[in-house]
Amino acid sequence: MPRYEYSCSFCEGEIVIRHLSDEIINVCPECLKEGGLQKKLSTFNTFHRSKKSKKRTGETTEEFIKAAREELQQQKSDLDEER
């Protein structure tokens, strides 16, 4: 699932939410008020190797995948605890 960045006009929070592109998110998960979220414009990560960067091509992608897997495992364990 892609990540989308939002800002809330009520609590002024910066929130990153994973959801499908056709889903509409209206309620801020921080302050729980409806109608205050605004989707922010995000930039893409570049995967090319710059002269300053010592990372090999695709390393940024691998780091993102690893972080996403850890986040999903945490969400799964949170859901299991709720049951």
N, C-alpha and C. Protein backbone atom coordinates (compact mmCIF):
# COMPACT_ATOMS: atom_id res chain seq x y z
N MET A 1 0.83 -1.17 0.00
CA MET A 1 0.00 0.00 0.00
C MET A 1 0.88 1.24 0.00
N PRO A 2 0.50 2.22 -0.77
CA PRO A 2 1.29 3.45 -0.78
C PRO A 2 1.08 4.27 0.48
N ARG A 3 2.05 5.10 0.76
CA ARG A 3 1.98 6.01 1.90
C ARG A 3 1.57 7.39 1.40
N TYR A 4 0.71 8.03 2.14
CA TYR A 4 0.28 9.38 1.81
C TYR A 4 0.51 10.27 3.01
N GLU A 5 0.99 11.48 2.75
CA GLU A 5 1.23 12.44 3.81
C GLU A 5 0.06 13.41 3.88
N TYR A 6 -0.40 13.66 5.10
CA TYR A 6 -1.50 14.58 5.34
C TYR A 6 -1.09 15.59 6.40
N SER A 7 -1.76 16.73 6.37
CA SER A 7 -1.64 17.67 7.47
C SER A 7 -3.06 17.98 7.94
N CYS A 8 -3.19 18.15 9.25
CA CYS A 8 -4.51 18.41 9.84
C CYS A 8 -4.60 19.89 10.18
N SER A 9 -5.65 20.54 9.73
CA SER A 9 -5.83 21.96 10.00
C SER A 9 -6.31 22.21 11.43
N PHE A 10 -6.82 21.18 12.10
CA PHE A 10 -7.28 21.36 13.48
C PHE A 10 -6.14 21.22 14.48
N CYS A 11 -5.43 20.10 14.43
CA CYS A 11 -4.37 19.86 15.41
C CYS A 11 -2.99 20.20 14.87
N GLU A 12 -2.92 20.61 13.59
CA GLU A 12 -1.67 20.97 12.91
C GLU A 12 -0.67 19.83 12.89
N GLY A 13 -1.16 18.60 12.94
CA GLY A 13 -0.30 17.43 12.91
C GLY A 13 0.09 17.05 11.50
N GLU A 14 1.26 16.44 11.39
CA GLU A 14 1.75 15.88 10.13
C GLU A 14 1.59 14.37 10.25
N ILE A 15 0.81 13.75 9.38
CA ILE A 15 0.46 12.35 9.51
C ILE A 15 0.80 11.61 8.22
N VAL A 16 1.36 10.42 8.35
CA VAL A 16 1.61 9.54 7.21
C VAL A 16 0.67 8.34 7.37
N ILE A 17 -0.15 8.11 6.35
CA ILE A 17 -1.15 7.06 6.40
C ILE A 17 -0.97 6.16 5.19
N ARG A 18 -1.04 4.85 5.41
CA ARG A 18 -1.03 3.89 4.31
C ARG A 18 -2.46 3.52 3.97
N HIS A 19 -2.81 3.68 2.71
CA HIS A 19 -4.14 3.26 2.27
C HIS A 19 -4.15 3.15 0.76
N LEU A 20 -5.20 2.55 0.24
CA LEU A 20 -5.35 2.43 -1.20
C LEU A 20 -5.63 3.80 -1.79
N SER A 21 -5.27 3.99 -3.04
CA SER A 21 -5.39 5.31 -3.67
C SER A 21 -6.83 5.76 -3.81
N ASP A 22 -7.79 4.84 -3.89
CA ASP A 22 -9.19 5.23 -4.06
C ASP A 22 -9.91 5.45 -2.73
N GLU A 23 -9.24 5.17 -1.61
CA GLU A 23 -9.85 5.41 -0.31
C GLU A 23 -9.80 6.90 0.02
N ILE A 24 -10.83 7.39 0.66
CA ILE A 24 -10.87 8.79 1.09
C ILE A 24 -10.77 8.82 2.61
N ILE A 25 -9.77 9.53 3.10
CA ILE A 25 -9.55 9.66 4.53
C ILE A 25 -10.02 11.03 4.97
N ASN A 26 -11.04 11.09 5.83
CA ASN A 26 -11.59 12.37 6.28
C ASN A 26 -11.30 12.65 7.75
N VAL A 27 -11.06 11.61 8.55
CA VAL A 27 -10.92 11.78 9.99
C VAL A 27 -9.44 11.73 10.36
N CYS A 28 -9.00 12.73 11.11
CA CYS A 28 -7.61 12.78 11.57
C CYS A 28 -7.43 11.73 12.66
N PRO A 29 -6.43 10.85 12.53
CA PRO A 29 -6.21 9.84 13.56
C PRO A 29 -5.64 10.42 14.86
N GLU A 30 -5.15 11.64 14.82
CA GLU A 30 -4.58 12.26 16.02
C GLU A 30 -5.67 12.92 16.87
N CYS A 31 -6.44 13.83 16.25
CA CYS A 31 -7.45 14.58 17.03
C CYS A 31 -8.86 14.05 16.85
N LEU A 32 -9.05 13.10 15.90
CA LEU A 32 -10.33 12.45 15.61
C LEU A 32 -11.41 13.40 15.11
N LYS A 33 -11.00 14.55 14.56
CA LYS A 33 -11.97 15.48 13.99
C LYS A 33 -12.09 15.22 12.49
N GLU A 34 -13.30 15.40 11.99
CA GLU A 34 -13.58 15.11 10.59
C GLU A 34 -13.45 16.37 9.75
N GLY A 35 -12.86 16.22 8.56
CA GLY A 35 -12.81 17.31 7.60
C GLY A 35 -11.58 18.19 7.66
N GLY A 36 -10.62 17.89 8.50
CA GLY A 36 -9.46 18.75 8.62
C GLY A 36 -8.22 18.27 7.88
N LEU A 37 -8.27 17.05 7.34
CA LEU A 37 -7.08 16.50 6.69
C LEU A 37 -6.94 17.03 5.27
N GLN A 38 -5.70 17.38 4.93
CA GLN A 38 -5.39 17.81 3.58
C GLN A 38 -4.18 17.01 3.11
N LYS A 39 -4.30 16.38 1.95
CA LYS A 39 -3.21 15.57 1.41
C LYS A 39 -2.09 16.52 0.96
N LYS A 40 -0.87 16.17 1.35
CA LYS A 40 0.28 16.98 0.98
C LYS A 40 0.91 16.42 -0.29
N LEU A 41 1.59 17.26 -0.99
CA LEU A 41 2.32 16.85 -2.17
C LEU A 41 3.62 16.21 -1.73
N SER A 42 3.89 15.02 -2.19
CA SER A 42 5.10 14.30 -1.81
C SER A 42 6.05 14.21 -2.99
N THR A 43 7.32 14.09 -2.67
CA THR A 43 8.31 13.90 -3.73
C THR A 43 8.67 12.43 -3.79
N PHE A 44 9.09 11.97 -4.93
CA PHE A 44 9.52 10.59 -5.10
C PHE A 44 10.96 10.45 -4.65
N ASN A 45 11.28 9.29 -4.10
CA ASN A 45 12.69 8.99 -3.83
C ASN A 45 13.37 8.72 -5.16
N THR A 46 14.56 9.23 -5.30
CA THR A 46 15.31 8.93 -6.51
C THR A 46 16.18 7.73 -6.24
N PHE A 47 16.25 6.85 -7.20
CA PHE A 47 16.96 5.61 -7.02
C PHE A 47 18.30 5.59 -7.77
N HIS A 48 18.63 6.70 -8.42
CA HIS A 48 19.92 6.74 -9.10
C HIS A 48 21.02 7.08 -8.10
N ARG A 49 22.21 6.74 -8.47
CA ARG A 49 23.35 6.98 -7.57
C ARG A 49 23.97 8.32 -7.90
N SER A 50 23.98 9.21 -6.94
CA SER A 50 24.60 10.51 -7.15
C SER A 50 26.09 10.41 -6.84
N LYS A 51 26.83 11.41 -7.19
CA LYS A 51 28.27 11.41 -6.95
C LYS A 51 28.58 11.43 -5.45
N LYS A 52 27.72 12.09 -4.67
CA LYS A 52 27.95 12.20 -3.23
C LYS A 52 27.50 10.95 -2.48
N SER A 53 26.52 10.25 -3.03
CA SER A 53 25.95 9.09 -2.36
C SER A 53 26.83 7.87 -2.55
N LYS A 54 27.01 7.12 -1.49
CA LYS A 54 27.79 5.89 -1.58
C LYS A 54 26.86 4.68 -1.63
N LYS A 55 25.55 4.93 -1.65
CA LYS A 55 24.60 3.82 -1.72
C LYS A 55 24.53 3.30 -3.15
N ARG A 56 24.40 2.00 -3.25
CA ARG A 56 24.25 1.41 -4.57
C ARG A 56 22.81 1.55 -5.05
N THR A 57 22.60 1.42 -6.32
CA THR A 57 21.27 1.56 -6.90
C THR A 57 20.31 0.55 -6.28
N GLY A 58 19.16 0.99 -5.86
CA GLY A 58 18.15 0.12 -5.28
C GLY A 58 18.25 -0.04 -3.78
N GLU A 59 19.31 0.46 -3.16
CA GLU A 59 19.45 0.31 -1.72
C GLU A 59 18.36 1.06 -0.97
N THR A 60 17.98 2.22 -1.49
CA THR A 60 16.89 2.98 -0.87
C THR A 60 15.61 2.18 -0.90
N THR A 61 15.35 1.47 -2.01
CA THR A 61 14.16 0.63 -2.14
C THR A 61 14.20 -0.50 -1.13
N GLU A 62 15.35 -1.13 -0.98
CA GLU A 62 15.49 -2.22 -0.02
C GLU A 62 15.23 -1.75 1.40
N GLU A 63 15.73 -0.57 1.74
CA GLU A 63 15.50 -0.01 3.07
C GLU A 63 14.02 0.26 3.30
N PHE A 64 13.34 0.79 2.27
CA PHE A 64 11.91 1.07 2.36
C PHE A 64 11.13 -0.23 2.56
N ILE A 65 11.47 -1.25 1.81
CA ILE A 65 10.77 -2.54 1.92
C ILE A 65 10.98 -3.13 3.31
N LYS A 66 12.18 -3.05 3.83
CA LYS A 66 12.47 -3.58 5.16
C LYS A 66 11.65 -2.82 6.21
N ALA A 67 11.61 -1.49 6.11
CA ALA A 67 10.84 -0.69 7.06
C ALA A 67 9.35 -0.99 6.95
N ALA A 68 8.86 -1.19 5.73
CA ALA A 68 7.44 -1.49 5.52
C ALA A 68 7.08 -2.85 6.12
N ARG A 69 7.97 -3.83 5.95
CA ARG A 69 7.72 -5.15 6.53
C ARG A 69 7.66 -5.08 8.05
N GLU A 70 8.60 -4.34 8.65
CA GLU A 70 8.60 -4.20 10.10
C GLU A 70 7.32 -3.51 10.59
N GLU A 71 6.88 -2.50 9.85
CA GLU A 71 5.66 -1.79 10.23
C GLU A 71 4.45 -2.72 10.13
N LEU A 72 4.38 -3.53 9.07
CA LEU A 72 3.27 -4.46 8.91
C LEU A 72 3.26 -5.52 10.00
N GLN A 73 4.44 -6.00 10.38
CA GLN A 73 4.53 -6.98 11.47
C GLN A 73 4.04 -6.37 12.77
N GLN A 74 4.39 -5.10 13.02
CA GLN A 74 3.94 -4.42 14.23
C GLN A 74 2.43 -4.27 14.22
N GLN A 75 1.87 -3.88 13.08
CA GLN A 75 0.42 -3.73 12.97
C GLN A 75 -0.28 -5.07 13.19
N LYS A 76 0.29 -6.13 12.66
CA LYS A 76 -0.30 -7.46 12.83
C LYS A 76 -0.28 -7.87 14.30
N SER A 77 0.84 -7.64 14.98
CA SER A 77 0.90 -8.00 16.40
C SER A 77 -0.05 -7.13 17.23
N ASP A 78 -0.23 -5.87 16.85
CA ASP A 78 -1.19 -5.01 17.54
C ASP A 78 -2.62 -5.53 17.38
N LEU A 79 -2.94 -5.99 16.15
CA LEU A 79 -4.28 -6.54 15.91
C LEU A 79 -4.48 -7.83 16.69
N ASP A 80 -3.46 -8.66 16.74
CA ASP A 80 -3.56 -9.92 17.50
C ASP A 80 -3.78 -9.64 18.98
N GLU A 81 -3.15 -8.61 19.51
CA GLU A 81 -3.32 -8.25 20.92
C GLU A 81 -4.73 -7.75 21.21
N GLU A 82 -5.34 -7.05 20.24
CA GLU A 82 -6.69 -6.52 20.41
C GLU A 82 -7.71 -7.64 20.46
N ARG A 83 -7.44 -8.75 19.81
CA ARG A 83 -8.39 -9.87 19.77
C ARG A 83 -8.27 -10.60 21.04
